[in-house]
Amino acid sequence: MTYYYIKSLHLIFVITWFAGLFYIPRLFVYQIEAFHKSSPDKEILGKQLKLMTKRLWFIITWPSAILSTIFAIWLLILQPFWLQQGWMHVKLAFVVLLIIYHLKTHQYYKQLQNDVVTKTSSFMRIWNEGATFILFAVVFLVILKSALNWIYGVIGMIVLGVLIMLGFKLYKNIREKNPDA
């Protein structure tokens, strides 16, 4: 019974971790766009968005990342045979990629909190999709439990990436014609 509680807690914190990773780049987009506005909008929006990102990052995203990792390790202790399976090796590689994504997002967070804008809002819109790709890969690996089938998942992610890029271009064209869209 302990296994199911630990697995449930792991899944809950993975979901909240991803929720934070999905939302914070969107807040970065708004922060970058606010940074380029004139006074007093720049200061008012900047202050509010910094507070929102700080709360999201340190109250939801970081704790969720830490707790999901703790519960994942606990699950591996309870089920050590998973470490002998190929799909788990691939999944753990994606988890490492997710941690790198999280740490890089933290760098962007610190820059924006200090009013250092080095990326465009368009870049952040694309960056926002990084966690999506990792989520797709991990979910398919966990459900299918096949290291070989992840290749189909990668092909699917590439197709998804192309569709997302086309969607960005379409939305950018719509926004250029109607800034309130």
Protein backbone atom coordinates (compact mmCIF):
# COMPACT_ATOMS: atom_id res chain seq x y z
CA MET A 1 0.00 0.00 0.00
CA THR A 2 2.91 2.38 0.74
CA TYR A 3 3.99 2.09 -2.90
CA TYR A 4 0.69 3.52 -4.16
CA TYR A 5 0.82 6.47 -1.76
CA ILE A 6 4.38 7.28 -2.78
CA LYS A 7 3.50 6.90 -6.46
CA SER A 8 0.47 9.18 -6.02
CA LEU A 9 2.55 11.84 -4.26
CA HIS A 10 5.22 11.57 -6.95
CA LEU A 11 2.63 12.08 -9.66
CA ILE A 12 0.97 15.02 -7.87
CA PHE A 13 4.29 16.83 -7.51
CA VAL A 14 5.32 16.04 -11.10
CA ILE A 15 2.06 17.65 -12.23
CA THR A 16 2.57 20.76 -10.10
CA TRP A 17 6.23 20.96 -11.21
CA PHE A 18 5.17 20.92 -14.83
CA ALA A 19 2.40 23.43 -14.13
CA GLY A 20 5.07 25.82 -12.85
CA LEU A 21 7.35 25.10 -15.79
CA PHE A 22 4.49 25.69 -18.22
CA TYR A 23 3.44 28.98 -16.68
CA ILE A 24 6.69 30.70 -15.74
CA PRO A 25 8.00 31.19 -19.31
CA ARG A 26 4.62 32.73 -20.14
CA LEU A 27 5.19 35.19 -17.27
CA PHE A 28 8.68 35.81 -18.68
CA VAL A 29 7.05 36.76 -22.00
CA TYR A 30 4.91 39.33 -20.20
CA GLN A 31 7.90 40.61 -18.17
CA ILE A 32 9.98 41.10 -21.32
CA GLU A 33 7.12 42.87 -23.09
CA ALA A 34 6.49 45.06 -20.00
CA PHE A 35 10.20 45.93 -19.86
CA HIS A 36 9.88 47.58 -23.28
CA LYS A 37 6.82 49.66 -22.35
CA SER A 38 7.01 53.28 -21.33
CA SER A 39 6.56 54.64 -17.80
CA PRO A 40 4.52 54.17 -15.65
CA ASP A 41 3.31 50.91 -17.27
CA LYS A 42 6.85 49.49 -17.27
CA GLU A 43 7.28 49.94 -13.51
CA ILE A 44 3.78 48.89 -12.49
CA LEU A 45 3.67 45.79 -14.68
CA GLY A 46 7.30 44.92 -13.96
CA LYS A 47 6.81 45.00 -10.21
CA GLN A 48 3.63 42.88 -10.33
CA LEU A 49 5.10 40.33 -12.76
CA LYS A 50 8.28 39.97 -10.68
CA LEU A 51 6.16 39.23 -7.63
CA MET A 52 4.04 36.69 -9.53
CA THR A 53 7.10 34.88 -10.93
CA LYS A 54 8.80 34.87 -7.53
CA ARG A 55 5.79 33.29 -5.86
CA LEU A 56 5.26 30.76 -8.64
CA TRP A 57 8.93 29.82 -8.76
CA PHE A 58 9.64 29.48 -5.04
CA ILE A 59 6.25 28.46 -3.64
CA ILE A 60 5.15 26.00 -6.34
CA THR A 61 7.79 25.10 -8.92
CA TRP A 62 10.95 24.55 -6.85
CA PRO A 63 9.23 22.69 -3.99
CA SER A 64 7.39 20.51 -6.52
CA ALA A 65 10.64 19.70 -8.33
CA ILE A 66 12.32 18.72 -5.08
CA LEU A 67 9.39 16.68 -3.76
CA SER A 68 8.78 14.86 -7.05
CA THR A 69 12.48 13.94 -7.11
CA ILE A 70 12.39 12.69 -3.52
CA PHE A 71 9.32 10.55 -4.21
CA ALA A 72 10.87 9.28 -7.47
CA ILE A 73 13.97 8.14 -5.61
CA TRP A 74 11.76 6.50 -2.99
CA LEU A 75 9.87 4.66 -5.76
CA LEU A 76 13.17 3.43 -7.23
CA ILE A 77 14.18 2.17 -3.78
CA LEU A 78 10.86 0.31 -3.52
CA GLN A 79 11.10 -1.03 -7.10
CA PRO A 80 14.87 -1.34 -7.85
CA PHE A 81 14.29 -3.71 -10.79
CA TRP A 82 13.09 -0.68 -12.83
CA LEU A 83 16.71 0.43 -13.03
CA GLN A 84 17.45 -2.66 -15.11
CA GLN A 85 14.87 -1.78 -17.75
CA GLY A 86 15.75 0.13 -20.92
CA TRP A 87 12.70 2.37 -20.87
CA MET A 88 13.68 3.59 -17.41
CA HIS A 89 17.17 4.53 -18.63
CA VAL A 90 15.64 6.61 -21.41
CA LYS A 91 13.12 8.14 -18.97
CA LEU A 92 15.91 9.09 -16.57
CA ALA A 93 17.77 10.73 -19.46
CA PHE A 94 14.67 12.86 -20.09
CA VAL A 95 14.48 13.63 -16.36
CA VAL A 96 18.07 14.88 -16.50
CA LEU A 97 17.06 17.00 -19.50
CA LEU A 98 14.10 18.32 -17.48
CA ILE A 99 16.39 19.26 -14.59
CA ILE A 100 18.71 21.09 -17.01
CA TYR A 101 15.66 22.88 -18.47
CA HIS A 102 14.56 23.81 -14.94
CA LEU A 103 18.01 25.16 -14.01
CA LYS A 104 18.26 27.17 -17.24
CA THR A 105 14.79 28.57 -16.56
CA HIS A 106 16.08 29.55 -13.11
CA GLN A 107 18.87 31.53 -14.80
CA TYR A 108 16.29 33.37 -16.91
CA TYR A 109 14.25 33.98 -13.75
CA LYS A 110 17.24 35.57 -11.96
CA GLN A 111 18.08 37.74 -14.97
CA LEU A 112 14.54 39.06 -15.29
CA GLN A 113 14.27 39.69 -11.54
CA ASN A 114 17.33 41.94 -11.96
CA ASP A 115 15.90 43.66 -15.06
CA VAL A 116 18.43 41.99 -17.33
CA VAL A 117 16.59 41.23 -20.55
CA THR A 118 18.75 39.11 -22.87
CA LYS A 119 16.00 37.15 -24.65
CA THR A 120 13.05 38.22 -26.73
CA SER A 121 9.44 37.45 -25.92
CA SER A 122 9.39 35.29 -29.07
CA PHE A 123 12.29 33.24 -27.72
CA MET A 124 10.41 32.73 -24.43
CA ARG A 125 7.31 31.61 -26.32
CA ILE A 126 9.42 28.90 -27.95
CA TRP A 127 11.25 28.12 -24.68
CA ASN A 128 7.83 27.59 -23.12
CA GLU A 129 7.40 24.47 -25.26
CA GLY A 130 10.54 22.72 -23.93
CA ALA A 131 8.75 21.23 -20.94
CA THR A 132 5.94 20.09 -23.23
CA PHE A 133 8.30 17.97 -25.31
CA ILE A 134 9.84 16.41 -22.22
CA LEU A 135 6.40 15.69 -20.76
CA PHE A 136 5.28 13.91 -23.94
CA ALA A 137 8.40 11.75 -23.98
CA VAL A 138 8.18 10.78 -20.31
CA VAL A 139 4.45 10.01 -20.38
CA PHE A 140 4.80 7.74 -23.41
CA LEU A 141 7.81 5.99 -21.87
CA VAL A 142 6.03 5.38 -18.58
CA ILE A 143 2.80 4.19 -20.17
CA LEU A 144 4.33 2.06 -22.94
CA LYS A 145 7.34 0.93 -20.85
CA SER A 146 9.32 0.43 -24.01
CA ALA A 147 12.66 1.99 -24.84
CA LEU A 148 12.14 1.12 -28.50
CA ASN A 149 8.74 2.78 -28.82
CA TRP A 150 10.20 6.07 -27.61
CA ILE A 151 11.60 6.46 -31.14
CA TYR A 152 8.03 6.77 -32.40
CA GLY A 153 7.45 9.25 -29.63
CA VAL A 154 10.46 11.32 -30.73
CA ILE A 155 9.17 11.33 -34.30
CA GLY A 156 5.80 12.40 -32.94
CA MET A 157 7.48 15.15 -30.89
CA ILE A 158 9.27 16.43 -34.00
CA VAL A 159 5.95 16.55 -35.84
CA LEU A 160 4.42 18.28 -32.79
CA GLY A 161 7.33 20.75 -32.79
CA VAL A 162 6.79 21.58 -36.45
CA LEU A 163 3.06 22.10 -35.81
CA ILE A 164 3.82 24.32 -32.81
CA MET A 165 6.25 26.42 -34.86
CA LEU A 166 3.63 26.80 -37.60
CA GLY A 167 1.15 27.81 -34.91
CA PHE A 168 3.61 30.43 -33.59
CA LYS A 169 4.06 31.88 -37.07
CA LEU A 170 0.31 31.99 -37.65
CA TYR A 171 -0.35 33.61 -34.28
CA LYS A 172 2.48 36.10 -34.81
CA ASN A 173 0.92 37.13 -38.13
CA ILE A 174 -2.47 37.50 -36.44
CA ARG A 175 -0.93 39.60 -33.63
CA GLU A 176 0.86 41.85 -36.13
CA LYS A 177 -2.44 42.56 -37.86
CA ASN A 178 -4.35 42.91 -34.58
CA PRO A 179 -2.18 43.62 -31.49
CA ASP A 180 -5.14 42.92 -29.18
CA ALA A 181 -5.53 39.34 -30.48
